[in-house]
C-alpha atoms as a PDB file:
ATOM      1  CA  UNK A   1       1.601  43.047-308.477  1.00  0.00           C
ATOM      2  CA  UNK A   2       3.330  46.050-310.392  1.00  0.00           C
ATOM      3  CA  UNK A   3       1.032  49.444-310.240  1.00  0.00           C
ATOM      4  CA  UNK A   4      -0.985  50.415-313.093  1.00  0.00           C
ATOM      5  CA  UNK A   5      -3.805  48.830-314.834  1.00  0.00           C
ATOM      6  CA  UNK A   6      -5.502  51.183-317.246  1.00  0.00           C
ATOM      7  CA  UNK A   7      -8.982  51.489-316.211  1.00  0.00           C
ATOM      8  CA  UNK A   8      -9.064  55.078-315.548  1.00  0.00           C
ATOM      9  CA  UNK A   9      -7.738  57.045-312.786  1.00  0.00           C
ATOM     10  CA  UNK A  10     -10.627  57.296-310.686  1.00  0.00           C
ATOM     11  CA  UNK A  11     -10.671  53.737-309.693  1.00  0.00           C
ATOM     12  CA  UNK A  12      -7.246  52.564-310.466  1.00  0.00           C
ATOM     13  CA  UNK A  13      -5.445  53.209-307.533  1.00  0.00           C
ATOM     14  CA  UNK A  14      -8.240  51.958-305.086  1.00  0.00           C
ATOM     15  CA  UNK A  15      -8.699  48.463-307.302  1.00  0.00           C
ATOM     16  CA  UNK A  16      -4.887  48.163-307.200  1.00  0.00           C
ATOM     17  CA  UNK A  17      -4.728  48.324-303.517  1.00  0.00           C
ATOM     18  CA  UNK A  18      -7.617  46.250-302.708  1.00  0.00           C
ATOM     19  CA  UNK A  19      -5.978  43.448-305.240  1.00  0.00           C
ATOM     20  CA  UNK A  20      -2.235  44.164-303.621  1.00  0.00           C
ATOM     21  CA  UNK A  21      -3.594  43.995-300.243  1.00  0.00           C
ATOM     22  CA  UNK A  22      -5.141  40.601-300.707  1.00  0.00           C
ATOM     23  CA  UNK A  23      -2.494  39.045-302.840  1.00  0.00           C
ATOM     24  CA  UNK A  24       0.527  40.484-299.681  1.00  0.00           C
ATOM     25  CA  UNK A  25      -1.793  38.846-297.210  1.00  0.00           C
ATOM     26  CA  UNK A  26      -1.685  35.633-299.209  1.00  0.00           C
ATOM     27  CA  UNK A  27       2.191  35.954-299.872  1.00  0.00           C
ATOM     28  CA  UNK A  28       2.879  36.551-296.306  1.00  0.00           C
ATOM     29  CA  UNK A  29       0.660  33.467-295.398  1.00  0.00           C
ATOM     30  CA  UNK A  30       3.143  31.561-297.215  1.00  0.00           C
ATOM     31  CA  UNK A  31       5.941  32.994-295.691  1.00  0.00           C
ATOM     32  CA  UNK A  32       4.966  31.837-292.542  1.00  0.00           C
ATOM     33  CA  UNK A  33       4.345  28.213-293.663  1.00  0.00           C
ATOM     34  CA  UNK A  34       6.980  26.032-292.490  1.00  0.00           C
ATOM     35  CA  UNK A  35       7.220  24.584-295.730  1.00  0.00           C
ATOM     36  CA  UNK A  36       8.543  28.177-297.324  1.00  0.00           C
ATOM     37  CA  UNK A  37      11.676  28.225-298.130  1.00  0.00           C
ATOM     38  CA  UNK A  38      13.910  31.113-296.897  1.00  0.00           C
ATOM     39  CA  UNK A  39      17.022  30.119-298.521  1.00  0.00           C
ATOM     40  CA  UNK A  40      15.830  30.578-302.133  1.00  0.00           C
ATOM     41  CA  UNK A  41      15.113  34.834-301.367  1.00  0.00           C
ATOM     42  CA  UNK A  42      17.641  36.806-302.283  1.00  0.00           C
ATOM     43  CA  UNK A  43      17.808  40.654-300.767  1.00  0.00           C
ATOM     44  CA  UNK A  44      19.239  42.024-303.544  1.00  0.00           C
ATOM     45  CA  UNK A  45      15.895  40.953-305.661  1.00  0.00           C
ATOM     46  CA  UNK A  46      13.890  41.590-303.097  1.00  0.00           C
ATOM     47  CA  UNK A  47      14.466  44.720-302.173  1.00  0.00           C
ATOM     48  CA  UNK A  48      15.314  46.190-305.854  1.00  0.00           C
ATOM     49  CA  UNK A  49      13.469  49.118-307.370  1.00  0.00           C
ATOM     50  CA  UNK A  50      13.487  47.195-310.644  1.00  0.00           C
ATOM     51  CA  UNK A  51       9.745  46.721-311.822  1.00  0.00           C
ATOM     52  CA  UNK A  52      11.224  43.609-313.463  1.00  0.00           C
ATOM     53  CA  UNK A  53      12.987  42.171-310.656  1.00  0.00           C
ATOM     54  CA  UNK A  54      10.933  43.154-308.155  1.00  0.00           C
ATOM     55  CA  UNK A  55       9.158  40.260-305.829  1.00  0.00           C
ATOM     56  CA  UNK A  56       6.655  42.100-304.366  1.00  0.00           C
ATOM     57  CA  UNK A  57       5.500  45.113-306.700  1.00  0.00           C
ATOM     58  CA  UNK A  58       6.640  48.159-307.356  1.00  0.00           C
ATOM     59  CA  UNK A  59       4.661  50.562-306.013  1.00  0.00           C
ATOM     60  CA  UNK A  60       2.577  47.904-303.650  1.00  0.00           C
ATOM     61  CA  UNK A  61       1.856  49.796-299.949  1.00  0.00           C
ATOM     62  CA  UNK A  62       2.118  46.153-298.252  1.00  0.00           C
ATOM     63  CA  UNK A  63       4.979  45.610-299.701  1.00  0.00           C
ATOM     64  CA  UNK A  64       7.241  46.618-296.095  1.00  0.00           C
ATOM     65  CA  UNK A  65       4.673  44.229-294.257  1.00  0.00           C
ATOM     66  CA  UNK A  66       6.176  41.187-296.186  1.00  0.00           C
ATOM     67  CA  UNK A  67       9.643  42.013-295.861  1.00  0.00           C
ATOM     68  CA  UNK A  68       8.793  42.417-292.159  1.00  0.00           C
ATOM     69  CA  UNK A  69       7.239  38.716-292.396  1.00  0.00           C
ATOM     70  CA  UNK A  70      10.675  37.582-294.312  1.00  0.00           C
ATOM     71  CA  UNK A  71      12.490  38.977-291.176  1.00  0.00           C
ATOM     72  CA  UNK A  72      10.779  37.543-288.873  1.00  0.00           C
ATOM     73  CA  UNK A  73      11.140  34.406-289.556  1.00  0.00           C
ATOM     74  CA  UNK A  74      14.759  34.785-288.857  1.00  0.00           C
ATOM     75  CA  UNK A  75      15.924  35.250-292.284  1.00  0.00           C
ATOM     76  CA  UNK A  76      19.707  36.542-292.566  1.00  0.00           C
ATOM     77  CA  UNK A  77      20.450  40.471-294.040  1.00  0.00           C
ATOM     78  CA  UNK A  78      22.738  41.089-296.540  1.00  0.00           C
ATOM     79  CA  UNK A  79      24.582  43.232-294.158  1.00  0.00           C
ATOM     80  CA  UNK A  80      26.250  45.368-297.168  1.00  0.00           C
ATOM     81  CA  UNK A  81      23.379  45.672-299.213  1.00  0.00           C
ATOM     82  CA  UNK A  82      21.335  46.987-295.673  1.00  0.00           C
ATOM     83  CA  UNK A  83      24.138  49.042-295.294  1.00  0.00           C
ATOM     84  CA  UNK A  84      23.999  50.603-298.348  1.00  0.00           C
ATOM     85  CA  UNK A  85      27.412  49.714-299.295  1.00  0.00           C
ATOM     86  CA  UNK A  86      26.959  50.201-303.228  1.00  0.00           C
ATOM     87  CA  UNK A  87      24.821  53.411-302.805  1.00  0.00           C
ATOM     88  CA  UNK A  88      21.314  51.663-303.969  1.00  0.00           C
ATOM     89  CA  UNK A  89      19.095  53.255-302.072  1.00  0.00           C
ATOM     90  CA  UNK A  90      19.510  57.150-301.314  1.00  0.00           C
ATOM     91  CA  UNK A  91      19.544  58.211-297.979  1.00  0.00           C
ATOM     92  CA  UNK A  92      17.709  55.810-295.824  1.00  0.00           C
ATOM     93  CA  UNK A  93      19.085  52.306-296.543  1.00  0.00           C
ATOM     94  CA  UNK A  94      17.444  49.119-295.633  1.00  0.00           C
ATOM     95  CA  UNK A  95      18.731  48.810-292.107  1.00  0.00           C
ATOM     96  CA  UNK A  96      17.178  52.160-291.194  1.00  0.00           C
ATOM     97  CA  UNK A  97      14.179  51.375-292.845  1.00  0.00           C
ATOM     98  CA  UNK A  98      13.465  48.209-291.393  1.00  0.00           C
ATOM     99  CA  UNK A  99      15.475  48.907-287.931  1.00  0.00           C
ATOM    100  CA  UNK A 100      12.121  48.165-285.962  1.00  0.00           C
ATOM    101  CA  UNK A 101      11.898  44.552-287.182  1.00  0.00           C
ATOM    102  CA  UNK A 102      15.938  43.564-287.578  1.00  0.00           C
ATOM    103  CA  UNK A 103      17.052  41.712-284.652  1.00  0.00           C
ATOM    104  CA  UNK A 104      20.482  39.743-283.557  1.00  0.00           C
ATOM    105  CA  UNK A 105      19.031  36.583-285.388  1.00  0.00           C
ATOM    106  CA  UNK A 106      18.924  38.540-288.448  1.00  0.00           C
ATOM    107  CA  UNK A 107      22.610  38.965-288.398  1.00  0.00           C
ATOM    108  CA  UNK A 108      24.693  36.383-289.960  1.00  0.00           C
ATOM    109  CA  UNK A 109      27.787  35.309-287.789  1.00  0.00           C
ATOM    110  CA  UNK A 110      30.034  35.277-290.743  1.00  0.00           C
ATOM    111  CA  UNK A 111      30.234  38.885-292.699  1.00  0.00           C
ATOM    112  CA  UNK A 112      32.226  39.056-295.576  1.00  0.00           C
ATOM    113  CA  UNK A 113      35.628  41.075-295.723  1.00  0.00           C
ATOM    114  CA  UNK A 114      34.432  43.931-298.059  1.00  0.00           C
ATOM    115  CA  UNK A 115      31.628  44.399-296.074  1.00  0.00           C
ATOM    116  CA  UNK A 116      33.612  44.912-292.993  1.00  0.00           C
ATOM    117  CA  UNK A 117      36.131  46.789-294.555  1.00  0.00           C
ATOM    118  CA  UNK A 118      33.595  49.348-295.910  1.00  0.00           C
ATOM    119  CA  UNK A 119      32.227  49.448-292.260  1.00  0.00           C
ATOM    120  CA  UNK A 120      35.707  50.165-290.705  1.00  0.00           C
ATOM    121  CA  UNK A 121      36.411  53.041-293.280  1.00  0.00           C
ATOM    122  CA  UNK A 122      33.395  54.539-294.102  1.00  0.00           C
ATOM    123  CA  UNK A 123      31.012  54.456-291.153  1.00  0.00           C
ATOM    124  CA  UNK A 124      30.794  55.851-287.739  1.00  0.00           C
ATOM    125  CA  UNK A 125      29.186  55.350-284.198  1.00  0.00           C
ATOM    126  CA  UNK A 126      30.260  59.084-283.283  1.00  0.00           C
ATOM    127  CA  UNK A 127      26.947  61.476-283.588  1.00  0.00           C
ATOM    128  CA  UNK A 128      29.616  64.423-283.856  1.00  0.00           C
ATOM    129  CA  UNK A 129      31.853  63.151-286.639  1.00  0.00           C
ATOM    130  CA  UNK A 130      30.531  64.671-289.960  1.00  0.00           C
ATOM    131  CA  UNK A 131      32.737  63.248-292.436  1.00  0.00           C
ATOM    132  CA  UNK A 132      31.515  59.808-292.317  1.00  0.00           C
ATOM    133  CA  UNK A 133      28.525  58.376-292.313  1.00  0.00           C
ATOM    134  CA  UNK A 134      26.573  57.671-289.129  1.00  0.00           C
ATOM    135  CA  UNK A 135      25.428  54.030-288.353  1.00  0.00           C
ATOM    136  CA  UNK A 136      22.529  55.521-286.096  1.00  0.00           C
ATOM    137  CA  UNK A 137      21.208  57.654-288.809  1.00  0.00           C
ATOM    138  CA  UNK A 138      20.939  60.484-285.706  1.00  0.00           C
ATOM    139  CA  UNK A 139      18.762  60.351-282.719  1.00  0.00           C
ATOM    140  CA  UNK A 140      18.906  58.045-279.709  1.00  0.00           C
ATOM    141  CA  UNK A 141      18.774  54.001-280.464  1.00  0.00           C
ATOM    142  CA  UNK A 142      17.251  52.991-277.461  1.00  0.00           C
ATOM    143  CA  UNK A 143      13.718  53.228-275.775  1.00  0.00           C
ATOM    144  CA  UNK A 144      13.311  54.276-272.413  1.00  0.00           C
ATOM    145  CA  UNK A 145      10.839  55.725-269.574  1.00  0.00           C
ATOM    146  CA  UNK A 146      10.810  58.401-266.729  1.00  0.00           C
ATOM    147  CA  UNK A 147      10.073  56.646-263.737  1.00  0.00           C
ATOM    148  CA  UNK A 148       8.183  58.704-260.762  1.00  0.00           C
ATOM    149  CA  UNK A 149      11.442  58.720-259.349  1.00  0.00           C
ATOM    150  CA  UNK A 150      13.713  60.466-261.393  1.00  0.00           C
ATOM    151  CA  UNK A 151      15.330  57.651-262.946  1.00  0.00           C
ATOM    152  CA  UNK A 152      15.455  57.043-266.914  1.00  0.00           C
ATOM    153  CA  UNK A 153      15.272  53.075-267.414  1.00  0.00           C
ATOM    154  CA  UNK A 154      15.937  51.745-270.926  1.00  0.00           C
ATOM    155  CA  UNK A 155      13.005  49.621-272.145  1.00  0.00           C
ATOM    156  CA  UNK A 156      14.243  48.292-275.689  1.00  0.00           C
ATOM    157  CA  UNK A 157      18.002  47.998-276.520  1.00  0.00           C
ATOM    158  CA  UNK A 158      16.836  45.752-279.752  1.00  0.00           C
ATOM    159  CA  UNK A 159      18.858  48.478-282.174  1.00  0.00           C
ATOM    160  CA  UNK A 160      22.280  48.878-280.136  1.00  0.00           C
ATOM    161  CA  UNK A 161      22.057  44.959-279.823  1.00  0.00           C
ATOM    162  CA  UNK A 162      22.123  44.338-283.702  1.00  0.00           C
ATOM    163  CA  UNK A 163      24.800  47.261-284.251  1.00  0.00           C
ATOM    164  CA  UNK A 164      27.493  45.679-281.749  1.00  0.00           C
ATOM    165  CA  UNK A 165      26.960  41.927-283.448  1.00  0.00           C
ATOM    166  CA  UNK A 166      27.734  43.713-286.816  1.00  0.00           C
ATOM    167  CA  UNK A 167      30.399  45.357-285.213  1.00  0.00           C
ATOM    168  CA  UNK A 168      31.799  42.148-283.059  1.00  0.00           C
ATOM    169  CA  UNK A 169      31.371  40.233-286.233  1.00  0.00           C
ATOM    170  CA  UNK A 170      33.834  42.207-288.056  1.00  0.00           C
ATOM    171  CA  UNK A 171      35.914  42.980-285.396  1.00  0.00           C
ATOM    172  CA  UNK A 172      36.146  46.262-285.236  1.00  0.00           C
ATOM    173  CA  UNK A 173      38.100  48.110-282.679  1.00  0.00           C
ATOM    174  CA  UNK A 174      38.254  51.627-283.867  1.00  0.00           C
ATOM    175  CA  UNK A 175      34.204  52.983-284.277  1.00  0.00           C
ATOM    176  CA  UNK A 176      33.648  51.308-280.863  1.00  0.00           C
ATOM    177  CA  UNK A 177      36.512  53.294-279.014  1.00  0.00           C
ATOM    178  CA  UNK A 178      35.570  56.528-280.820  1.00  0.00           C
ATOM    179  CA  UNK A 179      32.120  56.337-279.753  1.00  0.00           C
ATOM    180  CA  UNK A 180      32.881  55.806-276.121  1.00  0.00           C
ATOM    181  CA  UNK A 181      35.885  58.580-276.268  1.00  0.00           C
ATOM    182  CA  UNK A 182      33.128  61.052-277.819  1.00  0.00           C
ATOM    183  CA  UNK A 183      32.644  63.898-275.839  1.00  0.00           C
ATOM    184  CA  UNK A 184      29.930  65.985-277.470  1.00  0.00           C
ATOM    185  CA  UNK A 185      29.001  69.376-276.461  1.00  0.00           C
ATOM    186  CA  UNK A 186      25.382  70.375-275.004  1.00  0.00           C
ATOM    187  CA  UNK A 187      25.508  73.737-274.667  1.00  0.00           C
ATOM    188  CA  UNK A 188      22.688  75.560-276.528  1.00  0.00           C
ATOM    189  CA  UNK A 189      24.914  78.498-277.141  1.00  0.00           C
ATOM    190  CA  UNK A 190      27.977  76.782-278.759  1.00  0.00           C
ATOM    191  CA  UNK A 191      27.523  75.968-282.424  1.00  0.00           C
ATOM    192  CA  UNK A 192      28.983  72.711-282.251  1.00  0.00           C
ATOM    193  CA  UNK A 193      26.238  71.837-279.337  1.00  0.00           C
ATOM    194  CA  UNK A 194      24.751  68.142-280.181  1.00  0.00           C
ATOM    195  CA  UNK A 195      20.698  68.449-280.486  1.00  0.00           C
ATOM    196  CA  UNK A 196      20.257  64.540-279.226  1.00  0.00           C
ATOM    197  CA  UNK A 197      16.345  64.389-278.064  1.00  0.00           C
ATOM    198  CA  UNK A 198      15.207  67.607-277.577  1.00  0.00           C
ATOM    199  CA  UNK A 199      15.994  70.901-278.723  1.00  0.00           C
ATOM    200  CA  UNK A 200      15.267  73.174-275.443  1.00  0.00           C
ATOM    201  CA  UNK A 201      16.515  71.104-272.712  1.00  0.00           C
ATOM    202  CA  UNK A 202      20.176  70.342-272.415  1.00  0.00           C
ATOM    203  CA  UNK A 203      20.503  68.224-269.421  1.00  0.00           C
ATOM    204  CA  UNK A 204      17.819  65.634-270.825  1.00  0.00           C
ATOM    205  CA  UNK A 205      20.033  65.680-274.104  1.00  0.00           C
ATOM    206  CA  UNK A 206      22.972  64.826-271.925  1.00  0.00           C
ATOM    207  CA  UNK A 207      21.199  62.704-270.221  1.00  0.00           C
ATOM    208  CA  UNK A 208      19.867  60.078-272.727  1.00  0.00           C
ATOM    209  CA  UNK A 209      23.049  60.270-274.596  1.00  0.00           C
ATOM    210  CA  UNK A 210      25.148  59.175-271.627  1.00  0.00           C
ATOM    211  CA  UNK A 211      22.174  56.491-270.730  1.00  0.00           C
ATOM    212  CA  UNK A 212      22.547  54.981-274.382  1.00  0.00           C
ATOM    213  CA  UNK A 213      26.119  55.092-274.206  1.00  0.00           C
ATOM    214  CA  UNK A 214      26.126  52.933-270.751  1.00  0.00           C
ATOM    215  CA  UNK A 215      23.563  50.308-271.919  1.00  0.00           C
ATOM    216  CA  UNK A 216      25.901  50.021-275.219  1.00  0.00           C
ATOM    217  CA  UNK A 217      28.823  49.195-272.497  1.00  0.00           C
ATOM    218  CA  UNK A 218      27.215  47.176-270.988  1.00  0.00           C
ATOM    219  CA  UNK A 219      25.804  45.057-273.674  1.00  0.00           C
ATOM    220  CA  UNK A 220      29.363  44.912-275.119  1.00  0.00           C
ATOM    221  CA  UNK A 221      30.419  43.773-271.896  1.00  0.00           C
ATOM    222  CA  UNK A 222      27.669  40.906-271.467  1.00  0.00           C
ATOM    223  CA  UNK A 223      28.160  39.949-275.480  1.00  0.00           C
ATOM    224  CA  UNK A 224      32.457  39.681-274.717  1.00  0.00           C
ATOM    225  CA  UNK A 225      31.916  37.365-271.873  1.00  0.00           C
ATOM    226  CA  UNK A 226      29.548  35.533-273.678  1.00  0.00           C
ATOM    227  CA  UNK A 227      31.867  35.012-276.834  1.00  0.00           C
ATOM    228  CA  UNK A 228      34.723  34.181-274.555  1.00  0.00           C
ATOM    229  CA  UNK A 229      32.683  31.667-272.287  1.00  0.00           C
ATOM    230  CA  UNK A 230      31.511  30.131-275.953  1.00  0.00           C
ATOM    231  CA  UNK A 231      34.927  29.826-277.160  1.00  0.00           C
ATOM    232  CA  UNK A 232      36.293  28.537-273.698  1.00  0.00           C
ATOM    233  CA  UNK A 233      33.884  25.587-274.169  1.00  0.00           C
ATOM    234  CA  UNK A 234      34.703  25.162-277.650  1.00  0.00           C
ATOM    235  CA  UNK A 235      38.658  24.888-276.890  1.00  0.00           C
ATOM    236  CA  UNK A 236      38.069  22.576-274.291  1.00  0.00           C
ATOM    237  CA  UNK A 237      35.486  20.036-276.330  1.00  0.00           C
ATOM    238  CA  UNK A 238      38.486  20.757-278.825  1.00  0.00           C
ATOM    239  CA  UNK A 239      41.570  19.924-276.632  1.00  0.00           C
ATOM    240  CA  UNK A 240      40.234  16.523-275.160  1.00  0.00           C
ATOM    241  CA  UNK A 241      39.259  15.245-278.781  1.00  0.00           C
ATOM    242  CA  UNK A 242      42.780  15.846-279.766  1.00  0.00           C
ATOM    243  CA  UNK A 243      43.986  14.360-276.243  1.00  0.00           C
ATOM    244  CA  UNK A 244      42.019  11.263-276.737  1.00  0.00           C
ATOM    245  CA  UNK A 245      43.624  10.890-280.358  1.00  0.00           C
ATOM    246  CA  UNK A 246      47.015  12.112-279.265  1.00  0.00           C
ATOM    247  CA  UNK A 247      47.818  11.908-276.011  1.00  0.00           C
ATOM    248  CA  UNK A 248      48.817  15.154-275.922  1.00  0.00           C
ATOM    249  CA  UNK A 249      47.282  18.328-273.862  1.00  0.00           C
ATOM    250  CA  UNK A 250      48.936  21.081-275.272  1.00  0.00           C
ATOM    251  CA  UNK A 251      48.018  21.183-278.876  1.00  0.00           C
ATOM    252  CA  UNK A 252      45.097  23.842-278.241  1.00  0.00           C
ATOM    253  CA  UNK A 253      45.628  27.334-276.561  1.00  0.00           C
ATOM    254  CA  UNK A 254      42.686  28.364-274.779  1.00  0.00           C
ATOM    255  CA  UNK A 255      43.312  31.836-274.101  1.00  0.00           C
ATOM    256  CA  UNK A 256      40.726  34.501-274.824  1.00  0.00           C
ATOM    257  CA  UNK A 257      41.693  35.593-278.361  1.00  0.00           C
ATOM    258  CA  UNK A 258      43.564  38.788-279.688  1.00  0.00           C
ATOM    259  CA  UNK A 259      40.553  40.628-280.424  1.00  0.00           C
ATOM    260  CA  UNK A 260      39.093  40.123-277.443  1.00  0.00           C
ATOM    261  CA  UNK A 261      41.518  40.775-275.356  1.00  0.00           C
ATOM    262  CA  UNK A 262      42.078  44.144-277.001  1.00  0.00           C
ATOM    263  CA  UNK A 263      38.100  44.723-276.857  1.00  0.00           C
ATOM    264  CA  UNK A 264      38.028  44.635-273.119  1.00  0.00           C
ATOM    265  CA  UNK A 265      40.804  47.065-272.682  1.00  0.00           C
ATOM    266  CA  UNK A 266      38.437  49.016-275.263  1.00  0.00           C
ATOM    267  CA  UNK A 267      35.750  48.767-272.874  1.00  0.00           C
ATOM    268  CA  UNK A 268      37.659  49.194-269.552  1.00  0.00           C
ATOM    269  CA  UNK A 269      39.092  52.346-271.271  1.00  0.00           C
ATOM    270  CA  UNK A 270      42.529  51.116-271.822  1.00  0.00           C
ATOM    271  CA  UNK A 271      45.102  52.259-274.513  1.00  0.00           C
ATOM    272  CA  UNK A 272      45.573  49.496-277.446  1.00  0.00           C
ATOM    273  CA  UNK A 273      47.642  48.851-280.117  1.00  0.00           C
ATOM    274  CA  UNK A 274      46.631  50.270-283.429  1.00  0.00           C
ATOM    275  CA  UNK A 275      44.325  48.356-285.659  1.00  0.00           C
END
């Protein structure tokens, strides 16, 4: 499916596009089959620009649709690769390229230490931090609508959920804390103003920025509570098993772990020890 048939420049691309389009449809049909083994797919090979490695064709205009089909099947992504940890993808890493398709179901429950360290040391959630790479890639990460009564309502928070799961799985506190404490300038008369949505409306920029941060904070609390409940249930189950075998009830500590305690303090705007 690599481009180039050598049959004349007038018709070559039309034939190539027709051919790759039909083959791509077949590939997507195979991916959607219940018999298709997603575990055999390696993201580094799938996303490679090397024509000798690329699964789905260097120059195939339907390549993105194939990748989206894989993501829709809940194939876990390689977080480091998608965040362009090794600098292979230039300005727009895969997590940006496929940000409309990636969901929390594509984020692995365990992220390797190297990737987590890269995130903590090199990325930021702050829109005003020019020294690190912005994980948002500029602009709002929520979708919203204006209601007739003047209220703005969030209609899609999927991209926030994805980032939150990555950060929490890496036990990141600093990035979250810095973002929640960020206070950008929205005065167009100042050089450091943040043009978040609109170049002409200061109030609109501020309203959408604050709406996103409020939604981010709400989702953090929701995920924190969900994980705390899940951990508590797991601890209780484990304690019962140990009690039945040892007769002791003091082996398992059911307290919320240290990271969750610190994150709760960060969400509540309280100080924490450095991490």
